[in-house]
PDB file of N, CA and C in Angstrom:
ATOM      1  N   MET A   1       0.950  -1.276  -0.085  1.00  0.00           N
ATOM      2  CA  MET A   1      -0.057   0.088   0.068  1.00  0.00           C
ATOM      3  C   MET A   1       0.815   1.168   0.162  1.00  0.00           C
ATOM      4  N   ASP A   2       0.537   2.307  -0.638  1.00  0.00           N
ATOM      5  CA  ASP A   2       1.397   3.577  -0.632  1.00  0.00           C
ATOM      6  C   ASP A   2       0.813   4.280   0.495  1.00  0.00           C
ATOM      7  N   MET A   3       1.727   4.007   1.733  1.00  0.00           N
ATOM      8  CA  MET A   3       1.596   4.972   3.013  1.00  0.00           C
ATOM      9  C   MET A   3       2.070   5.989   2.898  1.00  0.00           C
ATOM     10  N   SER A   4       2.772   6.603   1.739  1.00  0.00           N
ATOM     11  CA  SER A   4       3.602   7.699   1.754  1.00  0.00           C
ATOM     12  C   SER A   4       2.703   8.772   1.729  1.00  0.00           C
ATOM     13  N   GLY A   5       1.073   8.572   1.172  1.00  0.00           N
ATOM     14  CA  GLY A   5       0.777   9.638   0.840  1.00  0.00           C
ATOM     15  C   GLY A   5       0.754  10.342  -0.347  1.00  0.00           C
ATOM     16  N   GLU A   6       1.954   9.919  -1.285  1.00  0.00           N
ATOM     17  CA  GLU A   6       2.011  10.494  -2.402  1.00  0.00           C
ATOM     18  C   GLU A   6       0.670  10.595  -3.375  1.00  0.00           C
ATOM     19  N   TRP A   7      -0.443   9.421  -3.408  1.00  0.00           N
ATOM     20  CA  TRP A   7      -1.255   9.558  -4.150  1.00  0.00           C
ATOM     21  C   TRP A   7      -2.145  10.590  -3.812  1.00  0.00           C
ATOM     22  N   PHE A   8      -2.388  10.622  -2.613  1.00  0.00           N
ATOM     23  CA  PHE A   8      -3.332  11.761  -2.231  1.00  0.00           C
ATOM     24  C   PHE A   8      -2.770  13.258  -2.542  1.00  0.00           C
ATOM     25  N   LYS A   9      -1.383  13.459  -2.484  1.00  0.00           N
ATOM     26  CA  LYS A   9      -0.978  14.808  -2.772  1.00  0.00           C
ATOM     27  C   LYS A   9      -1.275  14.952  -4.391  1.00  0.00           C
ATOM     28  N   ARG A  10      -0.771  14.026  -5.172  1.00  0.00           N
ATOM     29  CA  ARG A  10      -0.891  14.262  -6.636  1.00  0.00           C
ATOM     30  C   ARG A  10      -2.232  14.343  -6.790  1.00  0.00           C
ATOM     31  N   ARG A  11      -3.498  13.809  -6.163  1.00  0.00           N
ATOM     32  CA  ARG A  11      -4.834  13.882  -6.561  1.00  0.00           C
ATOM     33  C   ARG A  11      -5.115  15.330  -6.145  1.00  0.00           C
ATOM     34  N   ARG A  12      -4.692  15.891  -4.765  1.00  0.00           N
ATOM     35  CA  ARG A  12      -5.248  17.171  -4.472  1.00  0.00           C
ATOM     36  C   ARG A  12      -4.478  18.255  -5.253  1.00  0.00           C
ATOM     37  N   LEU A  13      -3.035  18.027  -5.879  1.00  0.00           N
ATOM     38  CA  LEU A  13      -2.687  19.077  -6.755  1.00  0.00           C
ATOM     39  C   LEU A  13      -3.497  18.908  -8.093  1.00  0.00           C
ATOM     40  N   GLU A  14      -3.813  18.101  -8.531  1.00  0.00           N
ATOM     41  CA  GLU A  14      -4.644  17.811  -9.771  1.00  0.00           C
ATOM     42  C   GLU A  14      -5.901  18.556  -9.952  1.00  0.00           C
ATOM     43  N   LEU A  15      -6.333  18.549  -8.276  1.00  0.00           N
ATOM     44  CA  LEU A  15      -7.996  19.350  -8.315  1.00  0.00           C
ATOM     45  C   LEU A  15      -7.510  20.860  -7.912  1.00  0.00           C
ATOM     46  N   GLU A  16      -6.061  21.102  -7.526  1.00  0.00           N
ATOM     47  CA  GLU A  16      -5.927  22.671  -7.581  1.00  0.00           C
ATOM     48  C   GLU A  16      -6.187  22.853  -5.926  1.00  0.00           C
ATOM     49  N   TYR A  17      -6.239  21.987  -5.412  1.00  0.00           N
ATOM     50  CA  TYR A  17      -6.862  22.479  -4.006  1.00  0.00           C
ATOM     51  C   TYR A  17      -5.252  22.746  -3.153  1.00  0.00           C
ATOM     52  N   LYS A  18      -5.617  23.387  -1.980  1.00  0.00           N
ATOM     53  CA  LYS A  18      -4.463  23.767  -0.890  1.00  0.00           C
ATOM     54  C   LYS A  18      -4.751  22.743   0.119  1.00  0.00           C
ATOM     55  N   GLN A  19      -3.779  22.589   0.891  1.00  0.00           N
ATOM     56  CA  GLN A  19      -4.571  21.615   2.190  1.00  0.00           C
ATOM     57  C   GLN A  19      -5.340  22.105   2.913  1.00  0.00           C
ATOM     58  N   ALA A  20      -5.637  23.327   3.003  1.00  0.00           N
ATOM     59  CA  ALA A  20      -6.617  24.026   4.003  1.00  0.00           C
ATOM     60  C   ALA A  20      -7.585  23.787   3.068  1.00  0.00           C
ATOM     61  N   ASP A  21      -8.001  23.822   1.914  1.00  0.00           N
ATOM     62  CA  ASP A  21      -9.003  23.622   1.091  1.00  0.00           C
ATOM     63  C   ASP A  21      -9.786  22.298   1.403  1.00  0.00           C
ATOM     64  N   VAL A  22      -8.840  21.326   1.545  1.00  0.00           N
ATOM     65  CA  VAL A  22      -9.125  19.864   1.809  1.00  0.00           C
ATOM     66  C   VAL A  22      -9.808  19.674   3.093  1.00  0.00           C
ATOM     67  N   SER A  23      -8.883  20.359   4.022  1.00  0.00           N
ATOM     68  CA  SER A  23      -9.497  20.597   5.423  1.00  0.00           C
ATOM     69  C   SER A  23     -10.915  20.862   5.675  1.00  0.00           C
ATOM     70  N   ARG A  24     -11.085  22.073   4.906  1.00  0.00           N
ATOM     71  CA  ARG A  24     -12.339  22.952   4.876  1.00  0.00           C
ATOM     72  C   ARG A  24     -13.377  21.725   4.442  1.00  0.00           C
ATOM     73  N   LEU A  25     -13.163  21.352   3.040  1.00  0.00           N
ATOM     74  CA  LEU A  25     -14.289  20.234   2.329  1.00  0.00           C
ATOM     75  C   LEU A  25     -14.506  18.860   3.350  1.00  0.00           C
ATOM     76  N   LEU A  26     -13.249  18.676   3.828  1.00  0.00           N
ATOM     77  CA  LEU A  26     -13.708  17.400   4.689  1.00  0.00           C
ATOM     78  C   LEU A  26     -14.565  17.822   6.071  1.00  0.00           C
ATOM     79  N   GLU A  27     -14.310  18.649   6.477  1.00  0.00           N
ATOM     80  CA  GLU A  27     -15.090  19.303   7.459  1.00  0.00           C
ATOM     81  C   GLU A  27     -16.641  19.233   7.187  1.00  0.00           C
ATOM     82  N   LEU A  28     -17.079  19.793   5.791  1.00  0.00           N
ATOM     83  CA  LEU A  28     -18.270  19.784   5.120  1.00  0.00           C
ATOM     84  C   LEU A  28     -18.661  18.202   5.000  1.00  0.00           C
ATOM     85  N   GLN A  29     -17.750  17.368   4.970  1.00  0.00           N
ATOM     86  CA  GLN A  29     -18.318  16.008   4.732  1.00  0.00           C
ATOM     87  C   GLN A  29     -18.675  15.463   6.415  1.00  0.00           C
ATOM     88  N   GLY A  30     -18.174  16.055   7.179  1.00  0.00           N
ATOM     89  CA  GLY A  30     -18.331  15.698   8.418  1.00  0.00           C
ATOM     90  C   GLY A  30     -17.209  14.577   9.326  1.00  0.00           C
ATOM     91  N   TYR A  31     -16.121  15.202   8.714  1.00  0.00           N
ATOM     92  CA  TYR A  31     -14.760  14.545   9.064  1.00  0.00           C
ATOM     93  C   TYR A  31     -13.940  15.699   9.317  1.00  0.00           C
ATOM     94  N   SER A  32     -13.596  15.948  10.212  1.00  0.00           N
ATOM     95  CA  SER A  32     -12.811  17.152  10.831  1.00  0.00           C
ATOM     96  C   SER A  32     -11.100  16.707  10.836  1.00  0.00           C
ATOM     97  N   VAL A  33     -10.291  17.376  10.101  1.00  0.00           N
ATOM     98  CA  VAL A  33      -8.774  17.443  10.285  1.00  0.00           C
ATOM     99  C   VAL A  33      -8.210  18.634   9.921  1.00  0.00           C
ATOM    100  N   THR A  34      -6.979  18.888  10.316  1.00  0.00           N
ATOM    101  CA  THR A  34      -6.549  20.178  10.087  1.00  0.00           C
ATOM    102  C   THR A  34      -5.482  20.111   8.870  1.00  0.00           C
ATOM    103  N   PRO A  35      -5.498  21.095   8.758  1.00  0.00           N
ATOM    104  CA  PRO A  35      -4.205  21.227   7.467  1.00  0.00           C
ATOM    105  C   PRO A  35      -2.846  20.544   7.386  1.00  0.00           C
ATOM    106  N   GLY A  36      -2.676  20.833   8.857  1.00  0.00           N
ATOM    107  CA  GLY A  36      -1.207  19.777   9.416  1.00  0.00           C
ATOM    108  C   GLY A  36      -1.314  18.471   9.294  1.00  0.00           C
ATOM    109  N   THR A  37      -2.723  17.889   9.704  1.00  0.00           N
ATOM    110  CA  THR A  37      -3.103  16.555   9.496  1.00  0.00           C
ATOM    111  C   THR A  37      -2.567  16.192   8.021  1.00  0.00           C
ATOM    112  N   ILE A  38      -3.382  16.763   7.176  1.00  0.00           N
ATOM    113  CA  ILE A  38      -3.242  16.382   5.700  1.00  0.00           C
ATOM    114  C   ILE A  38      -1.691  16.696   5.388  1.00  0.00           C
ATOM    115  N   SER A  39      -0.855  17.419   5.741  1.00  0.00           N
ATOM    116  CA  SER A  39       0.529  17.427   5.584  1.00  0.00           C
ATOM    117  C   SER A  39       1.181  16.071   5.895  1.00  0.00           C
ATOM    118  N   HIS A  40       0.914  15.765   7.052  1.00  0.00           N
ATOM    119  CA  HIS A  40       1.694  14.565   7.671  1.00  0.00           C
ATOM    120  C   HIS A  40       0.786  13.390   7.017  1.00  0.00           C
ATOM    121  N   TRP A  41      -0.015  13.295   6.249  1.00  0.00           N
ATOM    122  CA  TRP A  41      -0.698  12.133   5.390  1.00  0.00           C
ATOM    123  C   TRP A  41       0.074  12.061   4.034  1.00  0.00           C
ATOM    124  N   GLU A  42       0.491  13.479   3.410  1.00  0.00           N
ATOM    125  CA  GLU A  42       1.178  13.249   2.573  1.00  0.00           C
ATOM    126  C   GLU A  42       2.381  13.145   2.652  1.00  0.00           C
ATOM    127  N   ASN A  43       3.058  13.703   3.542  1.00  0.00           N
ATOM    128  CA  ASN A  43       4.559  13.034   3.874  1.00  0.00           C
ATOM    129  C   ASN A  43       4.882  11.699   4.486  1.00  0.00           C
ATOM    130  N   GLY A  44       3.909  10.920   4.956  1.00  0.00           N
ATOM    131  CA  GLY A  44       3.946   9.590   5.401  1.00  0.00           C
ATOM    132  C   GLY A  44       4.055   9.543   6.808  1.00  0.00           C
ATOM    133  N   ARG A  45       3.886  10.795   7.492  1.00  0.00           N
ATOM    134  CA  ARG A  45       4.155  10.649   9.071  1.00  0.00           C
ATOM    135  C   ARG A  45       2.707  10.137   9.588  1.00  0.00           C
ATOM    136  N   TYR A  46       1.573  10.501   9.150  1.00  0.00           N
ATOM    137  CA  TYR A  46       0.482   9.771   9.536  1.00  0.00           C
ATOM    138  C   TYR A  46      -0.012   8.764   8.520  1.00  0.00           C
ATOM    139  N   ASN A  47      -0.399   7.742   9.036  1.00  0.00           N
ATOM    140  CA  ASN A  47      -1.328   7.100   7.644  1.00  0.00           C
ATOM    141  C   ASN A  47      -2.753   7.523   7.618  1.00  0.00           C
ATOM    142  N   ILE A  48      -3.176   7.665   6.124  1.00  0.00           N
ATOM    143  CA  ILE A  48      -4.434   8.290   5.607  1.00  0.00           C
ATOM    144  C   ILE A  48      -5.460   7.202   6.594  1.00  0.00           C
ATOM    145  N   PRO A  49      -6.445   7.725   6.958  1.00  0.00           N
ATOM    146  CA  PRO A  49      -7.246   6.679   7.565  1.00  0.00           C
ATOM    147  C   PRO A  49      -8.416   5.999   6.770  1.00  0.00           C
ATOM    148  N   LEU A  50      -7.602   5.177   5.737  1.00  0.00           N
ATOM    149  CA  LEU A  50      -8.807   4.571   4.953  1.00  0.00           C
ATOM    150  C   LEU A  50      -9.621   3.373   5.397  1.00  0.00           C
ATOM    151  N   GLU A  51      -8.993   2.798   6.629  1.00  0.00           N
ATOM    152  CA  GLU A  51      -9.897   1.707   7.624  1.00  0.00           C
ATOM    153  C   GLU A  51     -11.017   2.303   7.818  1.00  0.00           C
ATOM    154  N   ASP A  52     -11.127   3.321   8.262  1.00  0.00           N
ATOM    155  CA  ASP A  52     -12.305   4.207   8.738  1.00  0.00           C
ATOM    156  C   ASP A  52     -13.525   4.450   7.699  1.00  0.00           C
ATOM    157  N   ILE A  53     -14.448   4.157   7.749  1.00  0.00           N
ATOM    158  CA  ILE A  53     -15.351   3.951   6.656  1.00  0.00           C
ATOM    159  C   ILE A  53     -15.786   5.404   6.522  1.00  0.00           C
ATOM    160  N   ASN A  54     -16.426   6.225   7.746  1.00  0.00           N
ATOM    161  CA  ASN A  54     -16.262   7.685   7.459  1.00  0.00           C
ATOM    162  C   ASN A  54     -15.383   8.467   6.786  1.00  0.00           C
ATOM    163  N   ALA A  55     -14.056   8.500   7.310  1.00  0.00           N
ATOM    164  CA  ALA A  55     -12.968   8.837   6.559  1.00  0.00           C
ATOM    165  C   ALA A  55     -12.943   8.620   4.984  1.00  0.00           C
ATOM    166  N   ARG A  56     -13.053   7.423   4.848  1.00  0.00           N
ATOM    167  CA  ARG A  56     -12.852   6.622   3.420  1.00  0.00           C
ATOM    168  C   ARG A  56     -13.904   7.482   2.509  1.00  0.00           C
ATOM    169  N   TYR A  57     -15.287   7.575   3.157  1.00  0.00           N
ATOM    170  CA  TYR A  57     -16.243   8.190   2.163  1.00  0.00           C
ATOM    171  C   TYR A  57     -15.836   9.431   1.841  1.00  0.00           C
ATOM    172  N   ALA A  58     -15.592  10.435   2.980  1.00  0.00           N
ATOM    173  CA  ALA A  58     -15.309  11.806   3.126  1.00  0.00           C
ATOM    174  C   ALA A  58     -14.205  12.065   2.063  1.00  0.00           C
ATOM    175  N   ILE A  59     -13.290  11.270   2.290  1.00  0.00           N
ATOM    176  CA  ILE A  59     -11.755  11.791   1.310  1.00  0.00           C
ATOM    177  C   ILE A  59     -12.079  11.348  -0.145  1.00  0.00           C
ATOM    178  N   ALA A  60     -12.995  10.267  -0.149  1.00  0.00           N
ATOM    179  CA  ALA A  60     -13.183   9.880  -1.598  1.00  0.00           C
ATOM    180  C   ALA A  60     -13.991  11.182  -2.350  1.00  0.00           C
ATOM    181  N   SER A  61     -14.863  11.741  -1.516  1.00  0.00           N
ATOM    182  CA  SER A  61     -15.711  12.717  -1.779  1.00  0.00           C
ATOM    183  C   SER A  61     -15.013  13.947  -2.198  1.00  0.00           C
ATOM    184  N   VAL A  62     -14.229  14.303  -1.514  1.00  0.00           N
ATOM    185  CA  VAL A  62     -13.574  15.535  -1.539  1.00  0.00           C
ATOM    186  C   VAL A  62     -12.573  15.422  -2.675  1.00  0.00           C
ATOM    187  N   LEU A  63     -11.749  14.238  -2.864  1.00  0.00           N
ATOM    188  CA  LEU A  63     -10.857  14.022  -3.949  1.00  0.00           C
ATOM    189  C   LEU A  63     -11.499  13.848  -5.138  1.00  0.00           C
ATOM    190  N   GLN A  64     -12.859  13.515  -5.101  1.00  0.00           N
ATOM    191  CA  GLN A  64     -13.963  13.470  -6.387  1.00  0.00           C
ATOM    192  C   GLN A  64     -13.272  12.099  -7.148  1.00  0.00           C
ATOM    193  N   LEU A  65     -13.304  11.000  -6.281  1.00  0.00           N
ATOM    194  CA  LEU A  65     -13.084   9.761  -6.794  1.00  0.00           C
ATOM    195  C   LEU A  65     -14.087   8.754  -6.158  1.00  0.00           C
ATOM    196  N   ASP A  66     -14.256   7.592  -6.818  1.00  0.00           N
ATOM    197  CA  ASP A  66     -15.128   6.893  -5.939  1.00  0.00           C
ATOM    198  C   ASP A  66     -14.286   5.987  -5.125  1.00  0.00           C
ATOM    199  N   VAL A  67     -14.891   5.385  -4.196  1.00  0.00           N
ATOM    200  CA  VAL A  67     -14.075   4.542  -3.471  1.00  0.00           C
ATOM    201  C   VAL A  67     -13.101   3.506  -3.655  1.00  0.00           C
ATOM    202  N   ALA A  68     -13.767   2.992  -4.784  1.00  0.00           N
ATOM    203  CA  ALA A  68     -12.640   1.572  -5.041  1.00  0.00           C
ATOM    204  C   ALA A  68     -11.244   2.251  -5.934  1.00  0.00           C
ATOM    205  N   LYS A  69     -11.739   3.383  -6.545  1.00  0.00           N
ATOM    206  CA  LYS A  69     -10.668   4.038  -7.393  1.00  0.00           C
ATOM    207  C   LYS A  69      -9.529   4.476  -6.401  1.00  0.00           C
ATOM    208  N   MET A  70     -10.280   4.779  -5.225  1.00  0.00           N
ATOM    209  CA  MET A  70      -9.341   5.552  -4.038  1.00  0.00           C
ATOM    210  C   MET A  70      -8.309   4.742  -3.708  1.00  0.00           C
ATOM    211  N   LEU A  71      -9.108   3.416  -3.382  1.00  0.00           N
ATOM    212  CA  LEU A  71      -8.460   2.335  -2.901  1.00  0.00           C
ATOM    213  C   LEU A  71      -7.197   1.761  -3.580  1.00  0.00           C
ATOM    214  N   GLU A  72      -7.563   1.710  -4.760  1.00  0.00           N
ATOM    215  CA  GLU A  72      -6.642   1.201  -5.468  1.00  0.00           C
ATOM    216  C   GLU A  72      -5.428   2.391  -6.096  1.00  0.00           C
ATOM    217  N   GLU A  73      -5.841   3.546  -5.817  1.00  0.00           N
ATOM    218  CA  GLU A  73      -4.724   4.546  -6.093  1.00  0.00           C
ATOM    219  C   GLU A  73      -3.919   4.268  -4.775  1.00  0.00           C
ATOM    220  N   ALA A  74      -4.456   3.947  -3.607  1.00  0.00           N
ATOM    221  CA  ALA A  74      -3.639   4.015  -2.425  1.00  0.00           C
ATOM    222  C   ALA A  74      -2.884   2.608  -2.281  1.00  0.00           C
ATOM    223  N   GLY A  75      -3.151   1.435  -3.222  1.00  0.00           N
ATOM    224  CA  GLY A  75      -2.509   0.139  -2.895  1.00  0.00           C
ATOM    225  C   GLY A  75      -3.367  -0.695  -2.710  1.00  0.00           C
ATOM    226  N   TYR A  76      -4.446  -0.642  -2.268  1.00  0.00           N
ATOM    227  CA  TYR A  76      -5.257  -1.416  -1.558  1.00  0.00           C
ATOM    228  C   TYR A  76      -5.915  -2.445  -2.729  1.00  0.00           C
ATOM    229  N   GLY A  77      -6.111  -2.048  -3.950  1.00  0.00           N
ATOM    230  CA  GLY A  77      -6.542  -2.975  -5.289  1.00  0.00           C
ATOM    231  C   GLY A  77      -5.518  -4.073  -5.253  1.00  0.00           C
ATOM    232  N   VAL A  78      -4.453  -3.984  -5.478  1.00  0.00           N
ATOM    233  CA  VAL A  78      -3.446  -5.090  -5.732  1.00  0.00           C
ATOM    234  C   VAL A  78      -3.557  -6.056  -4.715  1.00  0.00           C
ATOM    235  N   ILE A  79      -3.613  -5.853  -3.415  1.00  0.00           N
ATOM    236  CA  ILE A  79      -4.028  -6.886  -2.350  1.00  0.00           C
ATOM    237  C   ILE A  79      -5.058  -7.576  -2.627  1.00  0.00           C
ATOM    238  N   GLN A  80      -6.022  -6.771  -2.851  1.00  0.00           N
ATOM    239  CA  GLN A  80      -7.548  -7.611  -2.909  1.00  0.00           C
ATOM    240  C   GLN A  80      -7.466  -8.147  -4.314  1.00  0.00           C
ATOM    241  N   GLN A  81      -7.076  -8.226  -5.547  1.00  0.00           N
ATOM    242  CA  GLN A  81      -6.999  -9.040  -6.346  1.00  0.00           C
ATOM    243  C   GLN A  81      -6.137 -10.129  -6.339  1.00  0.00           C
ATOM    244  N   LYS A  82      -5.066 -10.230  -5.280  1.00  0.00           N
ATOM    245  CA  LYS A  82      -4.276 -11.238  -4.859  1.00  0.00           C
ATOM    246  C   LYS A  82      -5.099 -12.280  -4.046  1.00  0.00           C
ATOM    247  N   LEU A  83      -5.840 -11.634  -3.202  1.00  0.00           N
ATOM    248  CA  LEU A  83      -6.422 -12.322  -2.128  1.00  0.00           C
ATOM    249  C   LEU A  83      -7.806 -13.243  -2.471  1.00  0.00           C
ATOM    250  N   PHE A  84      -8.581 -12.382  -3.491  1.00  0.00           N
ATOM    251  CA  PHE A  84     -10.116 -12.594  -3.677  1.00  0.00           C
ATOM    252  C   PHE A  84     -10.345 -12.824  -4.938  1.00  0.00           C
ATOM    253  N   GLY A  85     -11.347 -13.960  -5.299  1.00  0.00           N
ATOM    254  CA  GLY A  85     -11.817 -13.953  -7.078  1.00  0.00           C
ATOM    255  C   GLY A  85     -12.522 -12.738  -7.241  1.00  0.00           C
ATOM    256  N   ASP A  86     -13.082 -13.078  -8.591  1.00  0.00           N
ATOM    257  CA  ASP A  86     -14.128 -11.964  -9.027  1.00  0.00           C
ATOM    258  C   ASP A  86     -15.173 -11.869  -8.415  1.00  0.00           C
ATOM    259  N   ALA A  87     -15.827 -12.861  -7.736  1.00  0.00           N
ATOM    260  CA  ALA A  87     -16.936 -12.542  -7.399  1.00  0.00           C
ATOM    261  C   ALA A  87     -16.954 -11.761  -5.825  1.00  0.00           C
ATOM    262  N   ALA A  88     -16.103 -12.392  -5.385  1.00  0.00           N
ATOM    263  CA  ALA A  88     -15.915 -11.697  -4.224  1.00  0.00           C
ATOM    264  C   ALA A  88     -15.335 -10.254  -4.299  1.00  0.00           C
ATOM    265  N   GLN A  89     -14.758  -9.848  -5.212  1.00  0.00           N
ATOM    266  CA  GLN A  89     -14.213  -8.301  -5.566  1.00  0.00           C
ATOM    267  C   GLN A  89     -15.623  -7.748  -5.819  1.00  0.00           C
ATOM    268  N   GLN A  90     -16.546  -8.202  -6.819  1.00  0.00           N
ATOM    269  CA  GLN A  90     -17.859  -7.383  -7.152  1.00  0.00           C
ATOM    270  C   GLN A  90     -18.629  -7.390  -5.792  1.00  0.00           C
ATOM    271  N   ALA A  91     -18.615  -8.165  -5.003  1.00  0.00           N
ATOM    272  CA  ALA A  91     -19.614  -8.142  -4.014  1.00  0.00           C
ATOM    273  C   ALA A  91     -18.964  -7.011  -2.858  1.00  0.00           C
ATOM    274  N   ALA A  92     -17.704  -7.180  -2.627  1.00  0.00           N
ATOM    275  CA  ALA A  92     -16.974  -6.119  -1.897  1.00  0.00           C
ATOM    276  C   ALA A  92     -17.299  -4.771  -2.397  1.00  0.00           C
ATOM    277  N   SER A  93     -17.137  -4.442  -3.743  1.00  0.00           N
ATOM    278  CA  SER A  93     -17.564  -3.306  -4.440  1.00  0.00           C
ATOM    279  C   SER A  93     -18.994  -2.945  -4.346  1.00  0.00           C
ATOM    280  N   ILE A  94     -19.895  -3.869  -4.483  1.00  0.00           N
ATOM    281  CA  ILE A  94     -21.028  -3.261  -4.189  1.00  0.00           C
ATOM    282  C   ILE A  94     -21.417  -3.006  -2.611  1.00  0.00           C
ATOM    283  N   VAL A  95     -20.889  -3.872  -1.894  1.00  0.00           N
ATOM    284  CA  VAL A  95     -20.961  -3.371  -0.369  1.00  0.00           C
ATOM    285  C   VAL A  95     -20.530  -2.096   0.071  1.00  0.00           C
ATOM    286  N   ASP A  96     -19.244  -1.938  -0.515  1.00  0.00           N
ATOM    287  CA  ASP A  96     -18.422  -0.703   0.059  1.00  0.00           C
ATOM    288  C   ASP A  96     -19.298   0.648  -0.488  1.00  0.00           C
ATOM    289  N   LYS A  97     -20.025   0.595  -1.602  1.00  0.00           N
ATOM    290  CA  LYS A  97     -20.528   1.663  -2.230  1.00  0.00           C
ATOM    291  C   LYS A  97     -21.920   2.079  -1.445  1.00  0.00           C
ATOM    292  N   LEU A  98     -22.228   1.190  -0.691  1.00  0.00           N
ATOM    293  CA  LEU A  98     -23.403   1.368   0.147  1.00  0.00           C
ATOM    294  C   LEU A  98     -23.357   2.347   1.464  1.00  0.00           C
ATOM    295  N   PRO A  99     -24.260   3.009   1.998  1.00  0.00           N
ATOM    296  CA  PRO A  99     -24.337   3.964   3.379  1.00  0.00           C
ATOM    297  C   PRO A  99     -23.786   2.957   4.522  1.00  0.00           C
ATOM    298  N   PRO A 100     -23.196   3.456   5.585  1.00  0.00           N
ATOM    299  CA  PRO A 100     -22.778   2.259   6.701  1.00  0.00           C
ATOM    300  C   PRO A 100     -23.925   1.249   7.243  1.00  0.00           C
ATOM    301  N   GLU A 101     -25.182   1.795   7.288  1.00  0.00           N
ATOM    302  CA  GLU A 101     -26.148   0.849   7.892  1.00  0.00           C
ATOM    303  C   GLU A 101     -26.525   0.037   6.969  1.00  0.00           C
ATOM    304  N   ALA A 102     -26.831   0.269   5.538  1.00  0.00           N
ATOM    305  CA  ALA A 102     -26.934  -0.474   4.485  1.00  0.00           C
ATOM    306  C   ALA A 102     -25.736  -1.488   4.283  1.00  0.00           C
ATOM    307  N   GLN A 103     -24.657  -1.333   4.579  1.00  0.00           N
ATOM    308  CA  GLN A 103     -23.378  -2.265   4.723  1.00  0.00           C
ATOM    309  C   GLN A 103     -23.718  -3.414   5.667  1.00  0.00           C
ATOM    310  N   LYS A 104     -23.748  -2.860   6.804  1.00  0.00           N
ATOM    311  CA  LYS A 104     -24.565  -3.840   7.990  1.00  0.00           C
ATOM    312  C   LYS A 104     -25.445  -4.847   7.528  1.00  0.00           C
ATOM    313  N   THR A 105     -26.410  -4.528   7.012  1.00  0.00           N
ATOM    314  CA  THR A 105     -27.601  -5.024   6.436  1.00  0.00           C
ATOM    315  C   THR A 105     -27.209  -6.220   5.361  1.00  0.00           C
ATOM    316  N   ALA A 106     -26.185  -5.546   4.419  1.00  0.00           N
ATOM    317  CA  ALA A 106     -25.869  -6.333   3.228  1.00  0.00           C
ATOM    318  C   ALA A 106     -24.824  -7.378   3.823  1.00  0.00           C
ATOM    319  N   LEU A 107     -23.910  -7.416   5.045  1.00  0.00           N
ATOM    320  CA  LEU A 107     -23.195  -8.280   5.743  1.00  0.00           C
ATOM    321  C   LEU A 107     -23.966  -9.184   6.102  1.00  0.00           C
ATOM    322  N   GLU A 108     -25.065  -8.830   6.743  1.00  0.00           N
ATOM    323  CA  GLU A 108     -25.838  -9.721   7.647  1.00  0.00           C
ATOM    324  C   GLU A 108     -26.613 -10.805   6.742  1.00  0.00           C
ATOM    325  N   GLN A 109     -27.052 -10.206   5.353  1.00  0.00           N
ATOM    326  CA  GLN A 109     -27.957 -11.069   4.222  1.00  0.00           C
ATOM    327  C   GLN A 109     -26.673 -11.982   3.856  1.00  0.00           C
ATOM    328  N   LEU A 110     -25.487 -11.502   3.667  1.00  0.00           N
ATOM    329  CA  LEU A 110     -24.582 -12.679   3.007  1.00  0.00           C
ATOM    330  C   LEU A 110     -24.138 -13.595   4.162  1.00  0.00           C
ATOM    331  N   ARG A 111     -24.363 -13.203   5.341  1.00  0.00           N
ATOM    332  CA  ARG A 111     -23.938 -14.230   6.359  1.00  0.00           C
ATOM    333  C   ARG A 111     -25.033 -15.513   6.421  1.00  0.00           C
ATOM    334  N   ALA A 112     -26.432 -14.669   6.349  1.00  0.00           N
ATOM    335  CA  ALA A 112     -27.498 -15.863   6.046  1.00  0.00           C
ATOM    336  C   ALA A 112     -27.231 -16.487   4.765  1.00  0.00           C
ATOM    337  N   LEU A 113     -26.914 -16.089   3.978  1.00  0.00           N
ATOM    338  CA  LEU A 113     -26.889 -16.958   2.662  1.00  0.00           C
ATOM    339  C   LEU A 113     -25.649 -17.770   2.783  1.00  0.00           C
ATOM    340  N   GLU A 114     -24.795 -17.580   3.322  1.00  0.00           N
ATOM    341  CA  GLU A 114     -23.624 -18.563   3.768  1.00  0.00           C
ATOM    342  C   GLU A 114     -24.018 -19.738   4.688  1.00  0.00           C
ATOM    343  N   ARG A 115     -24.718 -19.253   5.714  1.00  0.00           N
ATOM    344  CA  ARG A 115     -25.365 -20.411   6.489  1.00  0.00           C
ATOM    345  C   ARG A 115     -26.277 -21.255   5.922  1.00  0.00           C
ATOM    346  N   LEU A 116     -27.296 -20.852   4.741  1.00  0.00           N
ATOM    347  CA  LEU A 116     -28.306 -21.585   4.206  1.00  0.00           C
ATOM    348  C   LEU A 116     -27.570 -22.256   3.214  1.00  0.00           C
ATOM    349  N   VAL A 117     -26.710 -22.008   2.424  1.00  0.00           N
ATOM    350  CA  VAL A 117     -25.641 -22.922   1.627  1.00  0.00           C
ATOM    351  C   VAL A 117     -24.980 -23.964   2.352  1.00  0.00           C
ATOM    352  N   ALA A 118     -24.143 -23.471   3.599  1.00  0.00           N
ATOM    353  CA  ALA A 118     -23.555 -24.686   4.478  1.00  0.00           C
ATOM    354  C   ALA A 118     -24.654 -25.640   4.990  1.00  0.00           C
ATOM    355  N   GLY A 119     -25.892 -25.297   4.887  1.00  0.00           N
ATOM    356  CA  GLY A 119     -26.928 -26.231   5.657  1.00  0.00           C
ATOM    357  C   GLY A 119     -27.166 -25.883   7.021  1.00  0.00           C
ATOM    358  N   GLY A 120     -26.665 -24.881   7.663  1.00  0.00           N
ATOM    359  CA  GLY A 120     -26.619 -24.351   9.001  1.00  0.00           C
ATOM    360  C   GLY A 120     -27.639 -23.509   9.373  1.00  0.00           C
TER     361      GLY A 120
END
């Protein structure tokens, strides 16, 4: 994974945003960080919190990327392709595009299907 944050900085500059612009836009998305934190993300001092679903959606929105594309830029797509088949990747992509509450419901449904198929 690109823990350096170079992809983030590259995209920010493509959009002609300053770090303060990104901070303000993230705040509007409900995710509060300082321009200093964004600087730390870009230079690799702090990891970008892509594991946090709220951060993931806010950052993707501000950078005008869909979540899957953003994760691919950050290097997560390479790992996913090695670990999971096409069906699993498609399911993950669908679930990841849902709002948090719908994601919980989707996972419950997948677990129920798994139990049904397993006979339990």
